[in-house]
């Protein structure tokens, strides 16, 4: 069995949760146009922990193109007697794909 996800998109948001934990939002355009002839965008939540979080926080900037390799996981939370499901990519590797000159 295999649980592997690869995402390439623009870094939209960085949220520092703890010293060694980040939540990222990656903006990925869909591969097809909507009825108005435009490409919609998927906003994908990613969680980065450990040394990768430190490196990501130091070198990644909002608006830059990044690659995220990781695994998909669903977390369950209870709020007001309701169960909420949140799907995230738990990042194992972050690659900065935008060159410095851009």
PDB file of N, CA and C in Angstrom:
ATOM      1  N   UNK A   1       0.842  -1.179   0.000  1.00  0.00           N
ATOM      2  CA  UNK A   1       0.000   0.000   0.000  1.00  0.00           C
ATOM      3  C   UNK A   1       0.883   1.236   0.000  1.00  0.00           C
ATOM      4  N   UNK A   2       0.343   2.318  -0.512  1.00  0.00           N
ATOM      5  CA  UNK A   2       1.138   3.527  -0.677  1.00  0.00           C
ATOM      6  C   UNK A   2       0.283   4.750  -0.392  1.00  0.00           C
ATOM      7  N   UNK A   3       0.819   5.657   0.374  1.00  0.00           N
ATOM      8  CA  UNK A   3       0.170   6.940   0.642  1.00  0.00           C
ATOM      9  C   UNK A   3       1.208   8.014   0.380  1.00  0.00           C
ATOM     10  N   UNK A   4       1.218   8.532  -0.836  1.00  0.00           N
ATOM     11  CA  UNK A   4       2.208   9.533  -1.219  1.00  0.00           C
ATOM     12  C   UNK A   4       1.534  10.606  -2.058  1.00  0.00           C
ATOM     13  N   UNK A   5       1.860  11.869  -1.738  1.00  0.00           N
ATOM     14  CA  UNK A   5       1.278  13.011  -2.429  1.00  0.00           C
ATOM     15  C   UNK A   5       2.407  13.927  -2.872  1.00  0.00           C
ATOM     16  N   UNK A   6       2.319  14.437  -4.094  1.00  0.00           N
ATOM     17  CA  UNK A   6       3.262  15.438  -4.583  1.00  0.00           C
ATOM     18  C   UNK A   6       2.450  16.620  -5.089  1.00  0.00           C
ATOM     19  N   UNK A   7       2.764  17.806  -4.567  1.00  0.00           N
ATOM     20  CA  UNK A   7       2.045  19.024  -4.918  1.00  0.00           C
ATOM     21  C   UNK A   7       3.061  20.061  -5.378  1.00  0.00           C
ATOM     22  N   UNK A   8       2.735  20.765  -6.448  1.00  0.00           N
ATOM     23  CA  UNK A   8       3.555  21.890  -6.901  1.00  0.00           C
ATOM     24  C   UNK A   8       2.630  23.081  -7.042  1.00  0.00           C
ATOM     25  N   UNK A   9       2.969  24.159  -6.341  1.00  0.00           N
ATOM     26  CA  UNK A   9       2.139  25.352  -6.395  1.00  0.00           C
ATOM     27  C   UNK A   9       2.815  26.531  -5.714  1.00  0.00           C
ATOM     28  N   UNK A  10       2.093  27.626  -5.613  1.00  0.00           N
ATOM     29  CA  UNK A  10       2.628  28.836  -4.972  1.00  0.00           C
ATOM     30  C   UNK A  10       2.304  28.831  -3.486  1.00  0.00           C
ATOM     31  N   UNK A  11       3.293  29.219  -2.711  1.00  0.00           N
ATOM     32  CA  UNK A  11       3.110  29.309  -1.270  1.00  0.00           C
ATOM     33  C   UNK A  11       2.229  30.515  -0.972  1.00  0.00           C
ATOM     34  N   UNK A  12       1.066  30.263  -0.401  1.00  0.00           N
ATOM     35  CA  UNK A  12       0.102  31.329  -0.142  1.00  0.00           C
ATOM     36  C   UNK A  12       0.189  31.848   1.284  1.00  0.00           C
ATOM     37  N   UNK A  13       0.498  30.954   2.240  1.00  0.00           N
ATOM     38  CA  UNK A  13       0.480  31.354   3.640  1.00  0.00           C
ATOM     39  C   UNK A  13       1.403  30.452   4.449  1.00  0.00           C
ATOM     40  N   UNK A  14       2.098  31.046   5.427  1.00  0.00           N
ATOM     41  CA  UNK A  14       2.920  30.302   6.385  1.00  0.00           C
ATOM     42  C   UNK A  14       2.428  30.660   7.777  1.00  0.00           C
ATOM     43  N   UNK A  15       2.049  29.640   8.546  1.00  0.00           N
ATOM     44  CA  UNK A  15       1.582  29.855   9.911  1.00  0.00           C
ATOM     45  C   UNK A  15       2.515  29.085  10.839  1.00  0.00           C
ATOM     46  N   UNK A  16       3.230  29.810  11.675  1.00  0.00           N
ATOM     47  CA  UNK A  16       4.138  29.156  12.617  1.00  0.00           C
ATOM     48  C   UNK A  16       3.331  28.731  13.842  1.00  0.00           C
ATOM     49  N   UNK A  17       3.258  27.426  14.071  1.00  0.00           N
ATOM     50  CA  UNK A  17       2.469  26.881  15.166  1.00  0.00           C
ATOM     51  C   UNK A  17       3.330  26.767  16.426  1.00  0.00           C
ATOM     52  N   UNK A  18       4.466  26.127  16.301  1.00  0.00           N
ATOM     53  CA  UNK A  18       5.411  25.928  17.393  1.00  0.00           C
ATOM     54  C   UNK A  18       6.812  26.212  16.880  1.00  0.00           C
ATOM     55  N   UNK A  19       7.789  25.951  17.744  1.00  0.00           N
ATOM     56  CA  UNK A  19       9.186  26.155  17.364  1.00  0.00           C
ATOM     57  C   UNK A  19       9.556  25.321  16.142  1.00  0.00           C
ATOM     58  N   UNK A  20       9.084  24.085  16.089  1.00  0.00           N
ATOM     59  CA  UNK A  20       9.454  23.197  14.987  1.00  0.00           C
ATOM     60  C   UNK A  20       8.234  22.659  14.234  1.00  0.00           C
ATOM     61  N   UNK A  21       7.185  23.483  14.115  1.00  0.00           N
ATOM     62  CA  UNK A  21       5.979  23.072  13.396  1.00  0.00           C
ATOM     63  C   UNK A  21       5.394  24.252  12.623  1.00  0.00           C
ATOM     64  N   UNK A  22       5.147  24.037  11.331  1.00  0.00           N
ATOM     65  CA  UNK A  22       4.548  25.051  10.465  1.00  0.00           C
ATOM     66  C   UNK A  22       3.323  24.475   9.772  1.00  0.00           C
ATOM     67  N   UNK A  23       2.352  25.313   9.530  1.00  0.00           N
ATOM     68  CA  UNK A  23       1.241  24.984   8.643  1.00  0.00           C
ATOM     69  C   UNK A  23       1.380  25.876   7.413  1.00  0.00           C
ATOM     70  N   UNK A  24       1.335  25.260   6.253  1.00  0.00           N
ATOM     71  CA  UNK A  24       1.450  25.985   4.991  1.00  0.00           C
ATOM     72  C   UNK A  24       0.148  25.857   4.223  1.00  0.00           C
ATOM     73  N   UNK A  25      -0.144  26.870   3.418  1.00  0.00           N
ATOM     74  CA  UNK A  25      -1.237  26.791   2.454  1.00  0.00           C
ATOM     75  C   UNK A  25      -0.598  26.962   1.082  1.00  0.00           C
ATOM     76  N   UNK A  26      -0.787  25.953   0.236  1.00  0.00           N
ATOM     77  CA  UNK A  26      -0.215  25.964  -1.110  1.00  0.00           C
ATOM     78  C   UNK A  26      -1.355  26.133  -2.112  1.00  0.00           C
ATOM     79  N   UNK A  27      -1.197  27.092  -3.011  1.00  0.00           N
ATOM     80  CA  UNK A  27      -2.190  27.405  -4.029  1.00  0.00           C
ATOM     81  C   UNK A  27      -1.824  26.666  -5.320  1.00  0.00           C
ATOM     82  N   UNK A  28      -2.706  25.765  -5.754  1.00  0.00           N
ATOM     83  CA  UNK A  28      -2.447  24.949  -6.941  1.00  0.00           C
ATOM     84  C   UNK A  28      -3.569  25.171  -7.949  1.00  0.00           C
ATOM     85  N   UNK A  29      -3.244  25.688  -9.137  1.00  0.00           N
ATOM     86  CA  UNK A  29      -4.297  25.878 -10.143  1.00  0.00           C
ATOM     87  C   UNK A  29      -4.811  24.537 -10.662  1.00  0.00           C
ATOM     88  N   UNK A  30      -6.119  24.465 -10.908  1.00  0.00           N
ATOM     89  CA  UNK A  30      -6.689  23.249 -11.481  1.00  0.00           C
ATOM     90  C   UNK A  30      -6.261  23.133 -12.936  1.00  0.00           C
ATOM     91  N   UNK A  31      -6.313  21.927 -13.470  1.00  0.00           N
ATOM     92  CA  UNK A  31      -5.825  21.696 -14.826  1.00  0.00           C
ATOM     93  C   UNK A  31      -6.884  21.943 -15.896  1.00  0.00           C
ATOM     94  N   UNK A  32      -8.041  22.436 -15.511  1.00  0.00           N
ATOM     95  CA  UNK A  32      -9.107  22.711 -16.476  1.00  0.00           C
ATOM     96  C   UNK A  32      -9.752  24.056 -16.154  1.00  0.00           C
ATOM     97  N   UNK A  33     -10.383  24.646 -17.164  1.00  0.00           N
ATOM     98  CA  UNK A  33     -11.024  25.947 -16.991  1.00  0.00           C
ATOM     99  C   UNK A  33     -12.464  25.775 -16.524  1.00  0.00           C
ATOM    100  N   UNK A  34     -12.939  26.767 -15.770  1.00  0.00           N
ATOM    101  CA  UNK A  34     -14.334  26.745 -15.330  1.00  0.00           C
ATOM    102  C   UNK A  34     -15.228  27.283 -16.443  1.00  0.00           C
ATOM    103  N   UNK A  35     -16.497  27.463 -16.166  1.00  0.00           N
ATOM    104  CA  UNK A  35     -17.447  27.914 -17.196  1.00  0.00           C
ATOM    105  C   UNK A  35     -17.160  29.332 -17.683  1.00  0.00           C
ATOM    106  N   UNK A  36     -16.395  30.115 -16.879  1.00  0.00           N
ATOM    107  CA  UNK A  36     -16.025  31.480 -17.279  1.00  0.00           C
ATOM    108  C   UNK A  36     -14.710  31.517 -18.052  1.00  0.00           C
ATOM    109  N   UNK A  37     -14.108  30.351 -18.302  1.00  0.00           N
ATOM    110  CA  UNK A  37     -12.861  30.288 -19.047  1.00  0.00           C
ATOM    111  C   UNK A  37     -11.622  30.583 -18.209  1.00  0.00           C
ATOM    112  N   UNK A  38     -11.758  30.487 -16.885  1.00  0.00           N
ATOM    113  CA  UNK A  38     -10.624  30.753 -15.994  1.00  0.00           C
ATOM    114  C   UNK A  38     -10.259  29.493 -15.223  1.00  0.00           C
ATOM    115  N   UNK A  39      -9.012  29.445 -14.766  1.00  0.00           N
ATOM    116  CA  UNK A  39      -8.554  28.322 -13.955  1.00  0.00           C
ATOM    117  C   UNK A  39      -8.841  28.605 -12.480  1.00  0.00           C
ATOM    118  N   UNK A  40      -9.620  27.731 -11.843  1.00  0.00           N
ATOM    119  CA  UNK A  40      -9.836  27.846 -10.404  1.00  0.00           C
ATOM    120  C   UNK A  40      -8.585  27.359  -9.676  1.00  0.00           C
ATOM    121  N   UNK A  41      -8.511  27.683  -8.385  1.00  0.00           N
ATOM    122  CA  UNK A  41      -7.338  27.346  -7.593  1.00  0.00           C
ATOM    123  C   UNK A  41      -7.768  26.502  -6.395  1.00  0.00           C
ATOM    124  N   UNK A  42      -7.004  25.446  -6.131  1.00  0.00           N
ATOM    125  CA  UNK A  42      -7.202  24.656  -4.923  1.00  0.00           C
ATOM    126  C   UNK A  42      -6.218  25.142  -3.872  1.00  0.00           C
ATOM    127  N   UNK A  43      -6.692  25.371  -2.649  1.00  0.00           N
ATOM    128  CA  UNK A  43      -5.836  25.753  -1.530  1.00  0.00           C
ATOM    129  C   UNK A  43      -5.640  24.516  -0.664  1.00  0.00           C
ATOM    130  N   UNK A  44      -4.408  24.046  -0.578  1.00  0.00           N
ATOM    131  CA  UNK A  44      -4.117  22.783   0.085  1.00  0.00           C
ATOM    132  C   UNK A  44      -3.326  23.042   1.360  1.00  0.00           C
ATOM    133  N   UNK A  45      -3.844  22.515   2.484  1.00  0.00           N
ATOM    134  CA  UNK A  45      -3.175  22.650   3.776  1.00  0.00           C
ATOM    135  C   UNK A  45      -2.068  21.603   3.889  1.00  0.00           C
ATOM    136  N   UNK A  46      -0.914  22.058   4.350  1.00  0.00           N
ATOM    137  CA  UNK A  46       0.231  21.174   4.566  1.00  0.00           C
ATOM    138  C   UNK A  46       0.787  21.434   5.959  1.00  0.00           C
ATOM    139  N   UNK A  47       1.275  20.387   6.605  1.00  0.00           N
ATOM    140  CA  UNK A  47       1.916  20.528   7.906  1.00  0.00           C
ATOM    141  C   UNK A  47       3.362  20.065   7.783  1.00  0.00           C
ATOM    142  N   UNK A  48       4.261  20.880   8.313  1.00  0.00           N
ATOM    143  CA  UNK A  48       5.695  20.595   8.244  1.00  0.00           C
ATOM    144  C   UNK A  48       6.234  20.587   9.669  1.00  0.00           C
ATOM    145  N   UNK A  49       7.010  19.545  10.019  1.00  0.00           N
ATOM    146  CA  UNK A  49       7.551  19.463  11.375  1.00  0.00           C
ATOM    147  C   UNK A  49       9.057  19.190  11.330  1.00  0.00           C
ATOM    148  N   UNK A  50       9.708  19.452  12.457  1.00  0.00           N
ATOM    149  CA  UNK A  50      11.121  19.137  12.619  1.00  0.00           C
ATOM    150  C   UNK A  50      12.041  20.085  11.873  1.00  0.00           C
ATOM    151  N   UNK A  51      13.170  19.560  11.443  1.00  0.00           N
ATOM    152  CA  UNK A  51      14.174  20.354  10.745  1.00  0.00           C
ATOM    153  C   UNK A  51      13.681  20.924   9.433  1.00  0.00           C
ATOM    154  N   UNK A  52      12.761  20.211   8.789  1.00  0.00           N
ATOM    155  CA  UNK A  52      12.203  20.712   7.523  1.00  0.00           C
ATOM    156  C   UNK A  52      11.427  21.999   7.775  1.00  0.00           C
ATOM    157  N   UNK A  53      10.768  22.096   8.917  1.00  0.00           N
ATOM    158  CA  UNK A  53      10.011  23.307   9.254  1.00  0.00           C
ATOM    159  C   UNK A  53      10.955  24.492   9.429  1.00  0.00           C
ATOM    160  N   UNK A  54      12.095  24.273  10.090  1.00  0.00           N
ATOM    161  CA  UNK A  54      13.070  25.355  10.273  1.00  0.00           C
ATOM    162  C   UNK A  54      13.588  25.860   8.936  1.00  0.00           C
ATOM    163  N   UNK A  55      13.964  24.935   8.068  1.00  0.00           N
ATOM    164  CA  UNK A  55      14.488  25.300   6.744  1.00  0.00           C
ATOM    165  C   UNK A  55      13.429  26.000   5.901  1.00  0.00           C
ATOM    166  N   UNK A  56      12.213  25.482   5.938  1.00  0.00           N
ATOM    167  CA  UNK A  56      11.114  26.080   5.179  1.00  0.00           C
ATOM    168  C   UNK A  56      10.841  27.500   5.650  1.00  0.00           C
ATOM    169  N   UNK A  57      10.814  27.690   6.958  1.00  0.00           N
ATOM    170  CA  UNK A  57      10.555  29.014   7.529  1.00  0.00           C
ATOM    171  C   UNK A  57      11.654  30.003   7.156  1.00  0.00           C
ATOM    172  N   UNK A  58      12.873  29.518   7.068  1.00  0.00           N
ATOM    173  CA  UNK A  58      14.005  30.393   6.786  1.00  0.00           C
ATOM    174  C   UNK A  58      14.118  30.771   5.307  1.00  0.00           C
ATOM    175  N   UNK A  59      13.864  29.827   4.404  1.00  0.00           N
ATOM    176  CA  UNK A  59      14.153  30.054   2.995  1.00  0.00           C
ATOM    177  C   UNK A  59      12.941  30.278   2.097  1.00  0.00           C
ATOM    178  N   UNK A  60      11.766  29.807   2.489  1.00  0.00           N
ATOM    179  CA  UNK A  60      10.586  29.952   1.629  1.00  0.00           C
ATOM    180  C   UNK A  60       9.911  31.294   1.865  1.00  0.00           C
ATOM    181  N   UNK A  61       9.419  31.883   0.788  1.00  0.00           N
ATOM    182  CA  UNK A  61       8.704  33.154   0.854  1.00  0.00           C
ATOM    183  C   UNK A  61       7.327  32.993   0.212  1.00  0.00           C
ATOM    184  N   UNK A  62       6.386  33.750   0.720  1.00  0.00           N
ATOM    185  CA  UNK A  62       5.043  33.717   0.150  1.00  0.00           C
ATOM    186  C   UNK A  62       5.101  34.164  -1.309  1.00  0.00           C
ATOM    187  N   UNK A  63       4.393  33.449  -2.169  1.00  0.00           N
ATOM    188  CA  UNK A  63       4.357  33.760  -3.588  1.00  0.00           C
ATOM    189  C   UNK A  63       5.331  32.942  -4.412  1.00  0.00           C
ATOM    190  N   UNK A  64       6.280  32.284  -3.777  1.00  0.00           N
ATOM    191  CA  UNK A  64       7.265  31.468  -4.494  1.00  0.00           C
ATOM    192  C   UNK A  64       6.672  30.095  -4.804  1.00  0.00           C
ATOM    193  N   UNK A  65       7.157  29.477  -5.881  1.00  0.00           N
ATOM    194  CA  UNK A  65       6.702  28.149  -6.267  1.00  0.00           C
ATOM    195  C   UNK A  65       7.490  27.113  -5.467  1.00  0.00           C
ATOM    196  N   UNK A  66       6.755  26.198  -4.831  1.00  0.00           N
ATOM    197  CA  UNK A  66       7.400  25.140  -4.057  1.00  0.00           C
ATOM    198  C   UNK A  66       6.822  23.784  -4.456  1.00  0.00           C
ATOM    199  N   UNK A  67       7.575  22.745  -4.171  1.00  0.00           N
ATOM    200  CA  UNK A  67       7.110  21.378  -4.325  1.00  0.00           C
ATOM    201  C   UNK A  67       7.017  20.756  -2.944  1.00  0.00           C
ATOM    202  N   UNK A  68       5.961  20.027  -2.701  1.00  0.00           N
ATOM    203  CA  UNK A  68       5.757  19.365  -1.412  1.00  0.00           C
ATOM    204  C   UNK A  68       5.541  17.882  -1.677  1.00  0.00           C
ATOM    205  N   UNK A  69       6.368  17.059  -1.027  1.00  0.00           N
ATOM    206  CA  UNK A  69       6.186  15.610  -1.088  1.00  0.00           C
ATOM    207  C   UNK A  69       5.850  15.149   0.314  1.00  0.00           C
ATOM    208  N   UNK A  70       4.801  14.354   0.441  1.00  0.00           N
ATOM    209  CA  UNK A  70       4.407  13.898   1.765  1.00  0.00           C
ATOM    210  C   UNK A  70       3.321  12.858   1.698  1.00  0.00           C
ATOM    211  N   UNK A  71       2.587  12.753   2.790  1.00  0.00           N
ATOM    212  CA  UNK A  71       1.501  11.779   2.876  1.00  0.00           C
ATOM    213  C   UNK A  71       0.211  12.488   3.254  1.00  0.00           C
ATOM    214  N   UNK A  72      -0.880  11.939   2.818  1.00  0.00           N
ATOM    215  CA  UNK A  72      -2.196  12.510   3.077  1.00  0.00           C
ATOM    216  C   UNK A  72      -2.767  11.904   4.354  1.00  0.00           C
ATOM    217  N   UNK A  73      -3.329  12.756   5.221  1.00  0.00           N
ATOM    218  CA  UNK A  73      -3.895  12.287   6.482  1.00  0.00           C
ATOM    219  C   UNK A  73      -5.139  13.097   6.810  1.00  0.00           C
ATOM    220  N   UNK A  74      -6.113  12.432   7.403  1.00  0.00           N
ATOM    221  CA  UNK A  74      -7.328  13.098   7.861  1.00  0.00           C
ATOM    222  C   UNK A  74      -7.292  13.157   9.379  1.00  0.00           C
ATOM    223  N   UNK A  75      -7.421  14.357   9.927  1.00  0.00           N
ATOM    224  CA  UNK A  75      -7.505  14.551  11.373  1.00  0.00           C
ATOM    225  C   UNK A  75      -8.957  14.819  11.739  1.00  0.00           C
ATOM    226  N   UNK A  76      -9.376  14.308  12.892  1.00  0.00           N
ATOM    227  CA  UNK A  76     -10.735  14.488  13.381  1.00  0.00           C
ATOM    228  C   UNK A  76     -10.710  15.352  14.637  1.00  0.00           C
ATOM    229  N   UNK A  77     -11.578  16.343  14.692  1.00  0.00           N
ATOM    230  CA  UNK A  77     -11.710  17.224  15.844  1.00  0.00           C
ATOM    231  C   UNK A  77     -13.168  17.296  16.250  1.00  0.00           C
ATOM    232  N   UNK A  78     -13.412  17.454  17.545  1.00  0.00           N
ATOM    233  CA  UNK A  78     -14.774  17.635  18.036  1.00  0.00           C
ATOM    234  C   UNK A  78     -14.997  19.097  18.373  1.00  0.00           C
ATOM    235  N   UNK A  79     -16.125  19.622  17.914  1.00  0.00           N
ATOM    236  CA  UNK A  79     -16.485  21.003  18.216  1.00  0.00           C
ATOM    237  C   UNK A  79     -17.997  21.074  18.335  1.00  0.00           C
ATOM    238  N   UNK A  80     -18.467  21.462  19.508  1.00  0.00           N
ATOM    239  CA  UNK A  80     -19.913  21.600  19.746  1.00  0.00           C
ATOM    240  C   UNK A  80     -20.675  20.332  19.361  1.00  0.00           C
ATOM    241  N   UNK A  81     -20.217  19.192  19.860  1.00  0.00           N
ATOM    242  CA  UNK A  81     -20.847  17.888  19.611  1.00  0.00           C
ATOM    243  C   UNK A  81     -20.898  17.528  18.125  1.00  0.00           C
ATOM    244  N   UNK A  82     -19.992  18.090  17.361  1.00  0.00           N
ATOM    245  CA  UNK A  82     -19.912  17.795  15.928  1.00  0.00           C
ATOM    246  C   UNK A  82     -18.478  17.371  15.609  1.00  0.00           C
ATOM    247  N   UNK A  83     -18.337  16.359  14.797  1.00  0.00           N
ATOM    248  CA  UNK A  83     -17.012  15.896  14.405  1.00  0.00           C
ATOM    249  C   UNK A  83     -16.615  16.592  13.106  1.00  0.00           C
ATOM    250  N   UNK A  84     -15.443  17.201  13.119  1.00  0.00           N
ATOM    251  CA  UNK A  84     -14.933  17.928  11.951  1.00  0.00           C
ATOM    252  C   UNK A  84     -13.745  17.162  11.387  1.00  0.00           C
ATOM    253  N   UNK A  85     -13.772  16.923  10.078  1.00  0.00           N
ATOM    254  CA  UNK A  85     -12.662  16.252   9.399  1.00  0.00           C
ATOM    255  C   UNK A  85     -11.826  17.297   8.672  1.00  0.00           C
ATOM    256  N   UNK A  86     -10.513  17.232   8.863  1.00  0.00           N
ATOM    257  CA  UNK A  86      -9.602  18.119   8.150  1.00  0.00           C
ATOM    258  C   UNK A  86      -8.554  17.260   7.454  1.00  0.00           C
ATOM    259  N   UNK A  87      -8.462  17.421   6.142  1.00  0.00           N
ATOM    260  CA  UNK A  87      -7.489  16.666   5.374  1.00  0.00           C
ATOM    261  C   UNK A  87      -6.248  17.530   5.167  1.00  0.00           C
ATOM    262  N   UNK A  88      -5.073  16.973   5.463  1.00  0.00           N
ATOM    263  CA  UNK A  88      -3.812  17.699   5.323  1.00  0.00           C
ATOM    264  C   UNK A  88      -2.778  16.822   4.646  1.00  0.00           C
ATOM    265  N   UNK A  89      -1.807  17.481   4.053  1.00  0.00           N
ATOM    266  CA  UNK A  89      -0.621  16.803   3.571  1.00  0.00           C
ATOM    267  C   UNK A  89       0.451  16.987   4.636  1.00  0.00           C
ATOM    268  N   UNK A  90       0.975  15.886   5.158  1.00  0.00           N
ATOM    269  CA  UNK A  90       2.075  15.949   6.116  1.00  0.00           C
ATOM    270  C   UNK A  90       3.362  15.852   5.319  1.00  0.00           C
ATOM    271  N   UNK A  91       4.067  16.981   5.235  1.00  0.00           N
ATOM    272  CA  UNK A  91       5.218  17.111   4.346  1.00  0.00           C
ATOM    273  C   UNK A  91       6.428  16.348   4.868  1.00  0.00           C
ATOM    274  N   UNK A  92       7.076  15.632   3.967  1.00  0.00           N
ATOM    275  CA  UNK A  92       8.320  14.940   4.262  1.00  0.00           C
ATOM    276  C   UNK A  92       9.493  15.620   3.564  1.00  0.00           C
ATOM    277  N   UNK A  93       9.183  16.376   2.498  1.00  0.00           N
ATOM    278  CA  UNK A  93      10.228  17.092   1.764  1.00  0.00           C
ATOM    279  C   UNK A  93       9.613  18.328   1.126  1.00  0.00           C
ATOM    280  N   UNK A  94      10.316  19.461   1.227  1.00  0.00           N
ATOM    281  CA  UNK A  94       9.912  20.724   0.588  1.00  0.00           C
ATOM    282  C   UNK A  94      11.017  21.119  -0.367  1.00  0.00           C
ATOM    283  N   UNK A  95      10.667  21.423  -1.599  1.00  0.00           N
ATOM    284  CA  UNK A  95      11.629  21.884  -2.598  1.00  0.00           C
ATOM    285  C   UNK A  95      11.231  23.278  -3.057  1.00  0.00           C
ATOM    286  N   UNK A  96      12.191  24.194  -3.048  1.00  0.00           N
ATOM    287  CA  UNK A  96      11.941  25.548  -3.553  1.00  0.00           C
ATOM    288  C   UNK A  96      12.223  25.518  -5.045  1.00  0.00           C
ATOM    289  N   UNK A  97      11.216  25.806  -5.845  1.00  0.00           N
ATOM    290  CA  UNK A  97      11.334  25.674  -7.299  1.00  0.00           C
ATOM    291  C   UNK A  97      11.501  27.009  -8.009  1.00  0.00           C
ATOM    292  N   UNK A  98      11.332  28.115  -7.309  1.00  0.00           N
ATOM    293  CA  UNK A  98      11.521  29.438  -7.898  1.00  0.00           C
ATOM    294  C   UNK A  98      12.972  29.836  -7.730  1.00  0.00           C
ATOM    295  N   UNK A  99      13.574  30.322  -8.815  1.00  0.00           N
ATOM    296  CA  UNK A  99      14.967  30.740  -8.719  1.00  0.00           C
ATOM    297  C   UNK A  99      15.078  32.084  -8.008  1.00  0.00           C
ATOM    298  N   UNK A 100      16.261  32.408  -7.513  1.00  0.00           N
ATOM    299  CA  UNK A 100      16.465  33.650  -6.794  1.00  0.00           C
ATOM    300  C   UNK A 100      16.223  34.868  -7.684  1.00  0.00           C
ATOM    301  N   UNK A 101      16.502  34.756  -8.997  1.00  0.00           N
ATOM    302  CA  UNK A 101      16.349  35.899  -9.890  1.00  0.00           C
ATOM    303  C   UNK A 101      14.885  36.265 -10.114  1.00  0.00           C
ATOM    304  N   UNK A 102      13.975  35.315  -9.873  1.00  0.00           N
ATOM    305  CA  UNK A 102      12.538  35.608 -10.033  1.00  0.00           C
ATOM    306  C   UNK A 102      12.087  36.399  -8.839  1.00  0.00           C
TER     307      UNK A 102
END
